[in-house]
Amino acid sequence: MISLAPRNAHDDLFEVYSTNKDYWRYSGDLDPENINRSAVAAMLADLAFEEEALVARDGAGRIVGYVQVLPQHPKDDHPWIGLLLVDGRYRRQGHGRAIAAAIEQRFRDAGARAVRLGVLTNNVEAQHFWTALGYRRIDLRPDLAKGRATLVLEKPL
Protein backbone atom coordinates (compact mmCIF):
# COMPACT_ATOMS: atom_id res chain seq x y z
CA MET A 1 0.00 0.00 0.00
CA ILE A 2 1.38 3.38 -1.03
CA SER A 3 0.19 6.70 0.28
CA LEU A 4 1.00 10.03 -1.33
CA ALA A 5 1.11 13.28 0.59
CA PRO A 6 2.38 16.75 -0.20
CA ARG A 7 6.06 17.14 0.63
CA ASN A 8 6.75 19.16 3.73
CA ALA A 9 9.92 20.66 5.19
CA HIS A 10 10.38 17.72 7.57
CA ASP A 11 10.49 15.05 4.84
CA ASP A 12 14.08 13.86 4.40
CA LEU A 13 14.48 12.91 0.74
CA PHE A 14 18.26 12.63 0.76
CA GLU A 15 18.23 8.81 0.50
CA VAL A 16 15.72 8.90 -2.33
CA TYR A 17 17.97 11.26 -4.28
CA SER A 18 21.33 9.75 -3.33
CA THR A 19 20.32 6.17 -4.22
CA ASN A 20 19.45 7.13 -7.81
CA LYS A 21 22.94 7.69 -9.20
CA ASP A 22 22.06 6.28 -12.62
CA TYR A 23 19.28 8.82 -13.06
CA TRP A 24 21.60 11.69 -12.17
CA ARG A 25 24.20 10.28 -14.55
CA TYR A 26 21.62 10.30 -17.37
CA SER A 27 20.18 13.72 -16.57
CA GLY A 28 23.34 15.54 -15.58
CA ASP A 29 21.37 17.46 -12.95
CA LEU A 30 23.52 16.21 -10.05
CA ASP A 31 27.02 14.78 -9.87
CA PRO A 32 26.23 11.13 -9.07
CA GLU A 33 29.51 10.70 -7.19
CA ASN A 34 29.03 13.79 -5.04
CA ILE A 35 25.39 13.96 -3.96
CA ASN A 36 25.14 15.88 -0.72
CA ARG A 37 22.31 17.26 1.36
CA SER A 38 22.80 20.85 0.19
CA ALA A 39 22.60 19.81 -3.49
CA VAL A 40 19.42 17.84 -2.81
CA ALA A 41 17.92 20.77 -0.89
CA ALA A 42 18.72 23.10 -3.78
CA MET A 43 17.03 20.78 -6.29
CA LEU A 44 13.94 20.49 -4.10
CA ALA A 45 13.77 24.27 -3.72
CA ASP A 46 13.87 24.70 -7.50
CA LEU A 47 10.38 23.36 -8.25
CA ALA A 48 8.35 25.18 -10.86
CA PHE A 49 5.36 27.09 -9.51
CA GLU A 50 2.84 24.77 -11.18
CA GLU A 51 4.43 21.52 -9.97
CA GLU A 52 3.18 19.52 -7.03
CA ALA A 53 5.73 17.59 -4.94
CA LEU A 54 4.50 14.40 -3.31
CA VAL A 55 6.17 11.97 -0.95
CA ALA A 56 5.35 8.27 -1.23
CA ARG A 57 5.24 6.18 1.93
CA ASP A 58 4.76 2.45 2.32
CA GLY A 59 2.40 0.79 4.79
CA ALA A 60 5.03 1.11 7.55
CA GLY A 61 5.27 4.86 6.98
CA ARG A 62 8.76 4.76 5.42
CA ILE A 63 9.52 7.19 2.63
CA VAL A 64 10.00 4.96 -0.42
CA GLY A 65 9.73 7.49 -3.20
CA TYR A 66 9.12 10.98 -4.42
CA VAL A 67 7.12 12.27 -7.37
CA GLN A 68 6.60 15.65 -9.00
CA VAL A 69 3.44 16.17 -11.00
CA LEU A 70 2.02 18.93 -13.10
CA PRO A 71 -1.79 18.78 -12.89
CA GLN A 72 -2.16 20.78 -16.10
CA HIS A 73 0.67 21.48 -18.51
CA PRO A 74 0.47 25.08 -19.77
CA LYS A 75 1.10 24.06 -23.39
CA ASP A 76 -1.08 20.99 -23.85
CA ASP A 77 -3.50 21.04 -20.88
CA HIS A 78 -2.62 17.41 -19.99
CA PRO A 79 -1.47 16.31 -16.57
CA TRP A 80 2.20 15.27 -16.49
CA ILE A 81 4.39 13.19 -14.24
CA GLY A 82 7.55 15.27 -14.05
CA LEU A 83 9.81 13.05 -11.96
CA LEU A 84 9.37 9.77 -10.15
CA LEU A 85 12.17 8.45 -7.96
CA VAL A 86 12.05 5.30 -5.85
CA ASP A 87 14.50 5.01 -2.97
CA GLY A 88 17.15 2.61 -4.29
CA ARG A 89 17.04 0.60 -1.07
CA TYR A 90 13.42 -0.34 -1.87
CA ARG A 91 13.61 -0.94 -5.62
CA ARG A 92 12.15 -4.02 -7.26
CA GLN A 93 9.43 -4.26 -4.63
CA GLY A 94 6.60 -2.73 -6.68
CA HIS A 95 6.81 0.76 -5.21
CA GLY A 96 7.36 2.49 -8.56
CA ARG A 97 4.32 0.77 -10.05
CA ALA A 98 2.24 1.61 -6.98
CA ILE A 99 3.29 5.27 -7.05
CA ALA A 100 2.49 5.53 -10.77
CA ALA A 101 -0.90 3.86 -10.21
CA ALA A 102 -1.72 6.26 -7.36
CA ILE A 103 -0.83 9.29 -9.52
CA GLU A 104 -2.86 7.94 -12.43
CA GLN A 105 -5.85 7.45 -10.12
CA ARG A 106 -5.53 11.03 -8.83
CA PHE A 107 -5.60 12.33 -12.39
CA ARG A 108 -8.45 9.98 -13.35
CA ASP A 109 -10.49 11.18 -10.34
CA ALA A 110 -9.86 14.77 -11.47
CA GLY A 111 -11.37 13.97 -14.87
CA ALA A 112 -8.19 13.58 -16.92
CA ARG A 113 -8.39 11.32 -19.95
CA ALA A 114 -4.65 10.75 -20.32
CA VAL A 115 -1.37 11.45 -18.53
CA ARG A 116 1.98 12.31 -20.09
CA LEU A 117 5.62 12.24 -19.08
CA GLY A 118 9.06 12.69 -20.59
CA VAL A 119 11.88 10.15 -20.49
CA LEU A 120 15.40 11.03 -21.52
CA THR A 121 16.40 8.93 -24.52
CA ASN A 122 19.54 7.75 -22.72
CA ASN A 123 17.50 6.35 -19.80
CA VAL A 124 16.57 2.98 -21.29
CA GLU A 125 15.65 1.49 -17.88
CA ALA A 126 13.00 4.19 -17.38
CA GLN A 127 11.70 3.68 -20.91
CA HIS A 128 11.17 -0.03 -20.16
CA PHE A 129 9.48 0.77 -16.84
CA TRP A 130 6.97 3.22 -18.31
CA THR A 131 6.17 1.19 -21.43
CA ALA A 132 5.54 -1.87 -19.21
CA LEU A 133 2.92 0.28 -17.44
CA GLY A 134 1.14 1.03 -20.71
CA TYR A 135 2.71 4.35 -21.71
CA ARG A 136 3.31 4.81 -25.43
CA ARG A 137 5.57 7.17 -27.32
CA ILE A 138 3.80 10.13 -28.92
CA ASP A 139 6.75 12.43 -29.61
CA LEU A 140 10.50 12.94 -29.50
CA ARG A 141 11.67 16.44 -28.65
CA PRO A 142 14.12 18.39 -26.52
CA ASP A 143 13.13 18.87 -22.90
CA LEU A 144 12.29 22.41 -21.85
CA ALA A 145 14.92 22.62 -19.11
CA LYS A 146 18.11 21.76 -20.97
CA GLY A 147 17.27 20.72 -24.51
CA ARG A 148 18.05 17.03 -23.84
CA ALA A 149 16.56 14.46 -26.23
CA THR A 150 13.34 13.28 -24.60
CA LEU A 151 10.65 10.79 -25.48
CA VAL A 152 7.17 12.02 -24.66
CA LEU A 153 5.02 9.14 -23.48
CA GLU A 154 1.28 9.08 -22.89
CA LYS A 155 -1.15 6.69 -21.23
CA PRO A 156 -4.91 6.88 -21.68
CA LEU A 157 -6.75 6.86 -18.39
C-alpha atoms as a PDB file:
ATOM      1  CA  MET A   1       0.000   0.000   0.000  1.00  0.00           C
ATOM      2  CA  ILE A   2       1.379   3.376  -1.031  1.00  0.00           C
ATOM      3  CA  SER A   3       0.187   6.701   0.285  1.00  0.00           C
ATOM      4  CA  LEU A   4       1.004  10.026  -1.332  1.00  0.00           C
ATOM      5  CA  ALA A   5       1.110  13.280   0.593  1.00  0.00           C
ATOM      6  CA  PRO A   6       2.382  16.753  -0.199  1.00  0.00           C
ATOM      7  CA  ARG A   7       6.056  17.140   0.627  1.00  0.00           C
ATOM      8  CA  ASN A   8       6.754  19.164   3.734  1.00  0.00           C
ATOM      9  CA  ALA A   9       9.923  20.655   5.188  1.00  0.00           C
ATOM     10  CA  HIS A  10      10.382  17.719   7.570  1.00  0.00           C
ATOM     11  CA  ASP A  11      10.489  15.050   4.836  1.00  0.00           C
ATOM     12  CA  ASP A  12      14.076  13.859   4.396  1.00  0.00           C
ATOM     13  CA  LEU A  13      14.479  12.913   0.744  1.00  0.00           C
ATOM     14  CA  PHE A  14      18.259  12.631   0.763  1.00  0.00           C
ATOM     15  CA  GLU A  15      18.231   8.814   0.499  1.00  0.00           C
ATOM     16  CA  VAL A  16      15.725   8.896  -2.331  1.00  0.00           C
ATOM     17  CA  TYR A  17      17.972  11.258  -4.278  1.00  0.00           C
ATOM     18  CA  SER A  18      21.331   9.745  -3.333  1.00  0.00           C
ATOM     19  CA  THR A  19      20.317   6.166  -4.222  1.00  0.00           C
ATOM     20  CA  ASN A  20      19.450   7.133  -7.811  1.00  0.00           C
ATOM     21  CA  LYS A  21      22.940   7.693  -9.196  1.00  0.00           C
ATOM     22  CA  ASP A  22      22.064   6.282 -12.622  1.00  0.00           C
ATOM     23  CA  TYR A  23      19.279   8.815 -13.062  1.00  0.00           C
ATOM     24  CA  TRP A  24      21.602  11.692 -12.174  1.00  0.00           C
ATOM     25  CA  ARG A  25      24.202  10.276 -14.555  1.00  0.00           C
ATOM     26  CA  TYR A  26      21.620  10.295 -17.365  1.00  0.00           C
ATOM     27  CA  SER A  27      20.178  13.724 -16.573  1.00  0.00           C
ATOM     28  CA  GLY A  28      23.343  15.545 -15.577  1.00  0.00           C
ATOM     29  CA  ASP A  29      21.370  17.460 -12.947  1.00  0.00           C
ATOM     30  CA  LEU A  30      23.517  16.214 -10.050  1.00  0.00           C
ATOM     31  CA  ASP A  31      27.024  14.781  -9.865  1.00  0.00           C
ATOM     32  CA  PRO A  32      26.233  11.129  -9.071  1.00  0.00           C
ATOM     33  CA  GLU A  33      29.505  10.704  -7.194  1.00  0.00           C
ATOM     34  CA  ASN A  34      29.030  13.793  -5.044  1.00  0.00           C
ATOM     35  CA  ILE A  35      25.392  13.955  -3.955  1.00  0.00           C
ATOM     36  CA  ASN A  36      25.138  15.882  -0.721  1.00  0.00           C
ATOM     37  CA  ARG A  37      22.306  17.265   1.356  1.00  0.00           C
ATOM     38  CA  SER A  38      22.798  20.850   0.186  1.00  0.00           C
ATOM     39  CA  ALA A  39      22.604  19.808  -3.495  1.00  0.00           C
ATOM     40  CA  VAL A  40      19.415  17.841  -2.810  1.00  0.00           C
ATOM     41  CA  ALA A  41      17.917  20.772  -0.887  1.00  0.00           C
ATOM     42  CA  ALA A  42      18.725  23.105  -3.781  1.00  0.00           C
ATOM     43  CA  MET A  43      17.032  20.780  -6.286  1.00  0.00           C
ATOM     44  CA  LEU A  44      13.942  20.489  -4.100  1.00  0.00           C
ATOM     45  CA  ALA A  45      13.774  24.267  -3.717  1.00  0.00           C
ATOM     46  CA  ASP A  46      13.869  24.696  -7.497  1.00  0.00           C
ATOM     47  CA  LEU A  47      10.379  23.365  -8.253  1.00  0.00           C
ATOM     48  CA  ALA A  48       8.348  25.182 -10.855  1.00  0.00           C
ATOM     49  CA  PHE A  49       5.357  27.086  -9.513  1.00  0.00           C
ATOM     50  CA  GLU A  50       2.842  24.770 -11.178  1.00  0.00           C
ATOM     51  CA  GLU A  51       4.427  21.521  -9.966  1.00  0.00           C
ATOM     52  CA  GLU A  52       3.179  19.522  -7.032  1.00  0.00           C
ATOM     53  CA  ALA A  53       5.728  17.586  -4.943  1.00  0.00           C
ATOM     54  CA  LEU A  54       4.499  14.395  -3.313  1.00  0.00           C
ATOM     55  CA  VAL A  55       6.175  11.966  -0.947  1.00  0.00           C
ATOM     56  CA  ALA A  56       5.351   8.270  -1.233  1.00  0.00           C
ATOM     57  CA  ARG A  57       5.240   6.179   1.926  1.00  0.00           C
ATOM     58  CA  ASP A  58       4.760   2.455   2.321  1.00  0.00           C
ATOM     59  CA  GLY A  59       2.399   0.792   4.788  1.00  0.00           C
ATOM     60  CA  ALA A  60       5.025   1.109   7.546  1.00  0.00           C
ATOM     61  CA  GLY A  61       5.266   4.863   6.976  1.00  0.00           C
ATOM     62  CA  ARG A  62       8.760   4.757   5.422  1.00  0.00           C
ATOM     63  CA  ILE A  63       9.515   7.187   2.625  1.00  0.00           C
ATOM     64  CA  VAL A  64       9.999   4.957  -0.415  1.00  0.00           C
ATOM     65  CA  GLY A  65       9.731   7.494  -3.202  1.00  0.00           C
ATOM     66  CA  TYR A  66       9.125  10.982  -4.424  1.00  0.00           C
ATOM     67  CA  VAL A  67       7.123  12.274  -7.367  1.00  0.00           C
ATOM     68  CA  GLN A  68       6.597  15.652  -9.000  1.00  0.00           C
ATOM     69  CA  VAL A  69       3.439  16.165 -11.002  1.00  0.00           C
ATOM     70  CA  LEU A  70       2.023  18.927 -13.097  1.00  0.00           C
ATOM     71  CA  PRO A  71      -1.790  18.778 -12.892  1.00  0.00           C
ATOM     72  CA  GLN A  72      -2.164  20.779 -16.104  1.00  0.00           C
ATOM     73  CA  HIS A  73       0.670  21.478 -18.513  1.00  0.00           C
ATOM     74  CA  PRO A  74       0.466  25.081 -19.765  1.00  0.00           C
ATOM     75  CA  LYS A  75       1.099  24.065 -23.391  1.00  0.00           C
ATOM     76  CA  ASP A  76      -1.076  20.990 -23.854  1.00  0.00           C
ATOM     77  CA  ASP A  77      -3.499  21.037 -20.883  1.00  0.00           C
ATOM     78  CA  HIS A  78      -2.625  17.413 -19.994  1.00  0.00           C
ATOM     79  CA  PRO A  79      -1.471  16.308 -16.574  1.00  0.00           C
ATOM     80  CA  TRP A  80       2.196  15.274 -16.494  1.00  0.00           C
ATOM     81  CA  ILE A  81       4.390  13.194 -14.241  1.00  0.00           C
ATOM     82  CA  GLY A  82       7.551  15.270 -14.046  1.00  0.00           C
ATOM     83  CA  LEU A  83       9.812  13.049 -11.962  1.00  0.00           C
ATOM     84  CA  LEU A  84       9.368   9.774 -10.146  1.00  0.00           C
ATOM     85  CA  LEU A  85      12.172   8.454  -7.960  1.00  0.00           C
ATOM     86  CA  VAL A  86      12.048   5.302  -5.847  1.00  0.00           C
ATOM     87  CA  ASP A  87      14.502   5.009  -2.975  1.00  0.00           C
ATOM     88  CA  GLY A  88      17.148   2.610  -4.289  1.00  0.00           C
ATOM     89  CA  ARG A  89      17.038   0.601  -1.070  1.00  0.00           C
ATOM     90  CA  TYR A  90      13.422  -0.336  -1.867  1.00  0.00           C
ATOM     91  CA  ARG A  91      13.606  -0.944  -5.615  1.00  0.00           C
ATOM     92  CA  ARG A  92      12.153  -4.019  -7.260  1.00  0.00           C
ATOM     93  CA  GLN A  93       9.431  -4.255  -4.628  1.00  0.00           C
ATOM     94  CA  GLY A  94       6.598  -2.733  -6.682  1.00  0.00           C
ATOM     95  CA  HIS A  95       6.812   0.762  -5.212  1.00  0.00           C
ATOM     96  CA  GLY A  96       7.356   2.485  -8.562  1.00  0.00           C
ATOM     97  CA  ARG A  97       4.319   0.772 -10.050  1.00  0.00           C
ATOM     98  CA  ALA A  98       2.245   1.609  -6.983  1.00  0.00           C
ATOM     99  CA  ILE A  99       3.293   5.271  -7.054  1.00  0.00           C
ATOM    100  CA  ALA A 100       2.490   5.527 -10.773  1.00  0.00           C
ATOM    101  CA  ALA A 101      -0.904   3.861 -10.214  1.00  0.00           C
ATOM    102  CA  ALA A 102      -1.718   6.263  -7.363  1.00  0.00           C
ATOM    103  CA  ILE A 103      -0.828   9.288  -9.516  1.00  0.00           C
ATOM    104  CA  GLU A 104      -2.861   7.936 -12.433  1.00  0.00           C
ATOM    105  CA  GLN A 105      -5.845   7.447 -10.117  1.00  0.00           C
ATOM    106  CA  ARG A 106      -5.534  11.026  -8.827  1.00  0.00           C
ATOM    107  CA  PHE A 107      -5.605  12.327 -12.385  1.00  0.00           C
ATOM    108  CA  ARG A 108      -8.454   9.980 -13.352  1.00  0.00           C
ATOM    109  CA  ASP A 109     -10.486  11.179 -10.341  1.00  0.00           C
ATOM    110  CA  ALA A 110      -9.861  14.768 -11.467  1.00  0.00           C
ATOM    111  CA  GLY A 111     -11.371  13.966 -14.873  1.00  0.00           C
ATOM    112  CA  ALA A 112      -8.189  13.580 -16.920  1.00  0.00           C
ATOM    113  CA  ARG A 113      -8.393  11.323 -19.950  1.00  0.00           C
ATOM    114  CA  ALA A 114      -4.646  10.754 -20.315  1.00  0.00           C
ATOM    115  CA  VAL A 115      -1.368  11.448 -18.530  1.00  0.00           C
ATOM    116  CA  ARG A 116       1.983  12.306 -20.088  1.00  0.00           C
ATOM    117  CA  LEU A 117       5.622  12.238 -19.082  1.00  0.00           C
ATOM    118  CA  GLY A 118       9.056  12.686 -20.586  1.00  0.00           C
ATOM    119  CA  VAL A 119      11.876  10.147 -20.490  1.00  0.00           C
ATOM    120  CA  LEU A 120      15.395  11.034 -21.522  1.00  0.00           C
ATOM    121  CA  THR A 121      16.403   8.927 -24.515  1.00  0.00           C
ATOM    122  CA  ASN A 122      19.538   7.754 -22.716  1.00  0.00           C
ATOM    123  CA  ASN A 123      17.502   6.352 -19.802  1.00  0.00           C
ATOM    124  CA  VAL A 124      16.575   2.978 -21.285  1.00  0.00           C
ATOM    125  CA  GLU A 125      15.649   1.495 -17.878  1.00  0.00           C
ATOM    126  CA  ALA A 126      13.002   4.192 -17.380  1.00  0.00           C
ATOM    127  CA  GLN A 127      11.701   3.676 -20.906  1.00  0.00           C
ATOM    128  CA  HIS A 128      11.169  -0.031 -20.158  1.00  0.00           C
ATOM    129  CA  PHE A 129       9.482   0.768 -16.839  1.00  0.00           C
ATOM    130  CA  TRP A 130       6.968   3.216 -18.312  1.00  0.00           C
ATOM    131  CA  THR A 131       6.170   1.192 -21.430  1.00  0.00           C
ATOM    132  CA  ALA A 132       5.538  -1.868 -19.213  1.00  0.00           C
ATOM    133  CA  LEU A 133       2.924   0.277 -17.445  1.00  0.00           C
ATOM    134  CA  GLY A 134       1.139   1.026 -20.709  1.00  0.00           C
ATOM    135  CA  TYR A 135       2.708   4.347 -21.706  1.00  0.00           C
ATOM    136  CA  ARG A 136       3.305   4.815 -25.429  1.00  0.00           C
ATOM    137  CA  ARG A 137       5.571   7.171 -27.321  1.00  0.00           C
ATOM    138  CA  ILE A 138       3.802  10.127 -28.918  1.00  0.00           C
ATOM    139  CA  ASP A 139       6.746  12.426 -29.609  1.00  0.00           C
ATOM    140  CA  LEU A 140      10.504  12.936 -29.504  1.00  0.00           C
ATOM    141  CA  ARG A 141      11.670  16.437 -28.648  1.00  0.00           C
ATOM    142  CA  PRO A 142      14.123  18.394 -26.521  1.00  0.00           C
ATOM    143  CA  ASP A 143      13.134  18.874 -22.901  1.00  0.00           C
ATOM    144  CA  LEU A 144      12.293  22.411 -21.847  1.00  0.00           C
ATOM    145  CA  ALA A 145      14.916  22.622 -19.109  1.00  0.00           C
ATOM    146  CA  LYS A 146      18.110  21.758 -20.969  1.00  0.00           C
ATOM    147  CA  GLY A 147      17.268  20.718 -24.512  1.00  0.00           C
ATOM    148  CA  ARG A 148      18.049  17.034 -23.841  1.00  0.00           C
ATOM    149  CA  ALA A 149      16.563  14.459 -26.228  1.00  0.00           C
ATOM    150  CA  THR A 150      13.340  13.284 -24.599  1.00  0.00           C
ATOM    151  CA  LEU A 151      10.655  10.787 -25.483  1.00  0.00           C
ATOM    152  CA  VAL A 152       7.170  12.020 -24.664  1.00  0.00           C
ATOM    153  CA  LEU A 153       5.019   9.145 -23.480  1.00  0.00           C
ATOM    154  CA  GLU A 154       1.277   9.081 -22.886  1.00  0.00           C
ATOM    155  CA  LYS A 155      -1.148   6.685 -21.231  1.00  0.00           C
ATOM    156  CA  PRO A 156      -4.908   6.884 -21.677  1.00  0.00           C
ATOM    157  CA  LEU A 157      -6.748   6.857 -18.390  1.00  0.00           C
END
